[in-house]
């Protein structure tokens, strides 16, 4: 099948008509292939044409991961776009698998920059006062039973084979507090509660509800 020919016919037809009703802007030459936002590189397509064009682009340029990610994004229903979700299970499965591989390829070798203190403070502020993920949830007996089954056979505590004397003698820092920051407990001067660093910064210290107001 000549995917390029089908692609060009759809674009040519769209460029030579006045679309009445709903339409979506499309870059004729995708930005990941060097396209720009200039007027001559934009065309208005129907939602169906836009979806089809992106499927065709994946077939025309099978080694471009960003085009696969674009198709994945188009498969997500948007509140501000009149686009139906994909009806074909086979197409959806293929898009999901290829998009996952493409995402991995795009991120390969990219190291995430460490968060700045300002970023960390903003995250802390956004979570302040919000309940924990499981707070208020009531687990069914079946759920509790499944948790028990999943935990069965797990080796914890001193039975962990990594805690054998010969291993600890060879690697004394293996289970040290330095390598296990979750073991470090900080005492709040206002409520005398010992807690980990994360909970301390969130609920204690200057944020402690028992802190005396001056």
Protein backbone atom coordinates (compact mmCIF):
# COMPACT_ATOMS: atom_id res chain seq x y z
CA UNK A 1 0.00 0.00 0.00
CA UNK A 2 1.32 3.45 -0.94
CA UNK A 3 0.88 5.26 2.39
CA UNK A 4 2.62 8.41 1.12
CA UNK A 5 0.22 8.72 -1.82
CA UNK A 6 -2.85 8.36 0.43
CA UNK A 7 -1.36 10.92 2.83
CA UNK A 8 -0.72 13.45 0.04
CA UNK A 9 -4.22 13.04 -1.42
CA UNK A 10 -5.85 13.83 1.95
CA UNK A 11 -3.60 16.87 2.48
CA UNK A 12 -4.18 18.14 -1.08
CA UNK A 13 -7.97 17.80 -0.72
CA UNK A 14 -7.90 19.60 2.64
CA UNK A 15 -5.78 22.44 1.24
CA UNK A 16 -8.27 23.05 -1.56
CA UNK A 17 -11.51 23.36 0.35
CA UNK A 18 -13.21 25.49 2.98
CA UNK A 19 -13.98 23.15 5.87
CA UNK A 20 -17.38 23.85 7.36
CA UNK A 21 -17.88 22.89 10.98
CA UNK A 22 -15.41 21.30 13.38
CA UNK A 23 -11.76 21.02 12.33
CA UNK A 24 -8.30 20.46 13.81
CA UNK A 25 -5.05 22.15 12.79
CA UNK A 26 -2.34 19.83 11.54
CA UNK A 27 1.32 20.38 10.65
CA UNK A 28 1.77 19.12 7.08
CA UNK A 29 5.44 18.48 7.78
CA UNK A 30 5.54 17.35 11.43
CA UNK A 31 7.65 19.46 13.77
CA UNK A 32 9.74 16.41 14.65
CA UNK A 33 10.67 16.25 10.94
CA UNK A 34 11.63 19.91 10.71
CA UNK A 35 8.19 21.45 10.19
CA UNK A 36 7.33 24.93 11.44
CA UNK A 37 4.27 26.79 12.72
CA UNK A 38 4.12 28.93 9.57
CA UNK A 39 0.75 29.27 7.84
CA UNK A 40 1.89 27.37 4.73
CA UNK A 41 2.70 24.33 6.89
CA UNK A 42 -0.73 24.21 8.56
CA UNK A 43 -3.91 22.63 7.25
CA UNK A 44 -7.34 22.14 8.82
CA UNK A 45 -8.54 18.53 8.92
CA UNK A 46 -11.62 16.79 10.21
CA UNK A 47 -11.04 14.72 13.36
CA UNK A 48 -11.20 11.51 11.28
CA UNK A 49 -8.72 12.83 8.69
CA UNK A 50 -6.35 14.04 11.42
CA UNK A 51 -6.36 10.62 13.08
CA UNK A 52 -5.83 8.84 9.74
CA UNK A 53 -3.00 11.19 8.71
CA UNK A 54 -1.08 10.43 11.90
CA UNK A 55 -1.53 6.70 11.38
CA UNK A 56 -0.17 7.10 7.85
CA UNK A 57 2.81 9.12 9.09
CA UNK A 58 3.78 6.25 11.39
CA UNK A 59 3.74 3.89 8.38
CA UNK A 60 5.71 6.35 6.21
CA UNK A 61 8.34 7.04 8.91
CA UNK A 62 8.37 3.82 11.00
CA UNK A 63 11.67 4.68 12.71
CA UNK A 64 10.53 8.01 14.14
CA UNK A 65 9.44 7.44 17.78
CA UNK A 66 7.89 10.89 18.19
CA UNK A 67 5.30 10.19 15.49
CA UNK A 68 4.23 7.08 17.40
CA UNK A 69 3.89 9.13 20.57
CA UNK A 70 1.75 11.64 18.66
CA UNK A 71 -0.63 8.84 17.64
CA UNK A 72 -0.76 7.68 21.26
CA UNK A 73 -1.75 11.17 22.39
CA UNK A 74 -4.46 11.32 19.73
CA UNK A 75 -5.96 8.13 21.12
CA UNK A 76 -6.73 9.92 24.39
CA UNK A 77 -10.12 11.59 24.49
CA UNK A 78 -9.90 15.32 25.10
CA UNK A 79 -12.53 17.61 26.61
CA UNK A 80 -11.79 20.41 24.16
CA UNK A 81 -11.72 18.27 21.02
CA UNK A 82 -14.63 16.55 19.34
CA UNK A 83 -12.80 13.29 18.85
CA UNK A 84 -14.15 9.83 19.56
CA UNK A 85 -12.06 7.18 21.28
CA UNK A 86 -10.61 4.39 19.15
CA UNK A 87 -13.07 1.64 18.38
CA UNK A 88 -10.61 -0.99 17.12
CA UNK A 89 -8.96 -3.02 19.86
CA UNK A 90 -6.18 -4.21 17.54
CA UNK A 91 -5.25 -0.67 16.52
CA UNK A 92 -5.33 0.51 20.13
CA UNK A 93 -3.14 -2.38 21.30
CA UNK A 94 -0.62 -1.73 18.55
CA UNK A 95 -0.50 1.98 19.37
CA UNK A 96 0.01 1.32 23.08
CA UNK A 97 2.85 -1.17 22.50
CA UNK A 98 4.66 0.94 19.89
CA UNK A 99 4.18 4.16 21.85
CA UNK A 100 5.66 2.54 24.97
CA UNK A 101 8.74 1.48 22.99
CA UNK A 102 8.95 4.92 21.39
CA UNK A 103 8.74 6.65 24.77
CA UNK A 104 11.56 4.50 26.08
CA UNK A 105 13.63 5.31 22.99
CA UNK A 106 13.03 9.06 23.29
CA UNK A 107 14.07 9.07 26.97
CA UNK A 108 17.10 6.82 26.47
CA UNK A 109 20.23 8.49 27.80
CA UNK A 110 18.32 11.47 29.21
CA UNK A 111 19.03 12.05 32.89
CA UNK A 112 16.43 13.90 34.89
CA UNK A 113 17.80 17.07 36.42
CA UNK A 114 17.70 17.10 40.24
CA UNK A 115 14.86 19.13 41.71
CA UNK A 116 15.76 22.61 42.93
CA UNK A 117 14.92 23.53 46.50
CA UNK A 118 12.20 25.84 45.16
CA UNK A 119 10.66 22.93 43.24
CA UNK A 120 10.76 20.75 46.34
CA UNK A 121 9.14 23.50 48.42
CA UNK A 122 6.37 23.89 45.82
CA UNK A 123 5.69 20.13 45.89
CA UNK A 124 5.54 20.24 49.69
CA UNK A 125 3.11 23.19 49.63
CA UNK A 126 0.85 21.48 47.09
CA UNK A 127 0.58 18.39 49.34
CA UNK A 128 0.21 20.25 52.61
CA UNK A 129 -2.98 19.28 54.43
CA UNK A 130 -3.95 16.62 51.91
CA UNK A 131 -4.79 13.18 53.38
CA UNK A 132 -2.61 10.18 52.65
CA UNK A 133 -3.42 7.92 49.71
CA UNK A 134 -5.05 5.23 51.85
CA UNK A 135 -6.45 7.48 54.58
CA UNK A 136 -10.14 6.77 55.13
CA UNK A 137 -10.16 3.71 52.89
CA UNK A 138 -11.82 0.59 54.19
CA UNK A 139 -10.29 -2.61 52.90
CA UNK A 140 -12.59 -5.58 52.36
CA UNK A 141 -11.77 -8.92 53.94
CA UNK A 142 -10.95 -10.25 50.46
CA UNK A 143 -8.51 -7.38 49.92
CA UNK A 144 -6.82 -8.07 53.27
CA UNK A 145 -6.59 -11.75 52.41
CA UNK A 146 -4.95 -10.96 49.07
CA UNK A 147 -2.41 -8.72 50.79
CA UNK A 148 -1.62 -11.61 53.14
CA UNK A 149 -1.14 -14.01 50.22
CA UNK A 150 1.14 -11.53 48.41
CA UNK A 151 3.26 -11.06 51.54
CA UNK A 152 3.57 -14.79 52.27
CA UNK A 153 7.09 -16.07 51.96
CA UNK A 154 8.64 -12.60 52.04
CA UNK A 155 11.89 -12.64 53.99
CA UNK A 156 12.08 -9.72 56.40
CA UNK A 157 14.09 -8.75 59.45
CA UNK A 158 16.98 -10.82 60.72
CA UNK A 159 15.93 -13.81 58.56
CA UNK A 160 17.01 -11.91 55.46
CA UNK A 161 19.98 -13.90 54.02
CA UNK A 162 21.75 -10.61 53.29
CA UNK A 163 22.00 -10.10 57.05
CA UNK A 164 24.17 -13.16 57.61
CA UNK A 165 27.27 -12.42 59.71
CA UNK A 166 29.72 -13.19 56.91
CA UNK A 167 27.89 -10.80 54.56
CA UNK A 168 27.72 -8.00 57.13
CA UNK A 169 31.41 -8.46 58.00
CA UNK A 170 32.29 -8.09 54.32
CA UNK A 171 29.88 -5.18 53.70
CA UNK A 172 29.45 -3.37 57.05
CA UNK A 173 27.58 -0.43 55.50
CA UNK A 174 24.96 -2.61 53.77
CA UNK A 175 22.26 -2.04 56.38
CA UNK A 176 23.64 1.11 57.95
CA UNK A 177 21.48 4.16 58.59
CA UNK A 178 23.37 5.95 55.80
CA UNK A 179 22.07 3.44 53.27
CA UNK A 180 18.66 3.26 54.90
CA UNK A 181 17.54 6.85 55.51
CA UNK A 182 14.05 5.57 56.35
CA UNK A 183 15.52 4.27 59.63
CA UNK A 184 16.56 7.75 60.71
CA UNK A 185 13.98 9.19 63.10
CA UNK A 186 13.68 12.84 64.09
CA UNK A 187 11.99 13.96 67.29
CA UNK A 188 9.59 16.88 67.01
CA UNK A 189 10.33 19.51 69.68
CA UNK A 190 6.63 20.42 69.91
CA UNK A 191 4.87 17.04 70.20
CA UNK A 192 7.83 14.72 71.03
CA UNK A 193 6.81 12.31 68.23
CA UNK A 194 9.58 10.42 66.40
CA UNK A 195 9.09 10.30 62.65
CA UNK A 196 10.96 9.82 59.38
CA UNK A 197 12.41 12.75 57.48
CA UNK A 198 9.50 12.91 55.03
CA UNK A 199 6.75 12.96 57.67
CA UNK A 200 8.76 15.33 59.84
CA UNK A 201 9.05 17.96 57.09
CA UNK A 202 5.35 17.58 56.31
CA UNK A 203 3.72 17.47 59.74
CA UNK A 204 6.27 18.45 62.40
CA UNK A 205 8.84 21.09 63.23
CA UNK A 206 7.55 24.54 62.26
CA UNK A 207 4.41 22.91 60.76
CA UNK A 208 3.48 20.99 63.90
CA UNK A 209 -0.06 21.71 65.06
CA UNK A 210 1.13 21.65 68.68
CA UNK A 211 3.64 24.43 68.08
CA UNK A 212 2.90 27.32 70.43
CA UNK A 213 1.80 30.41 68.62
CA UNK A 214 3.80 33.48 69.61
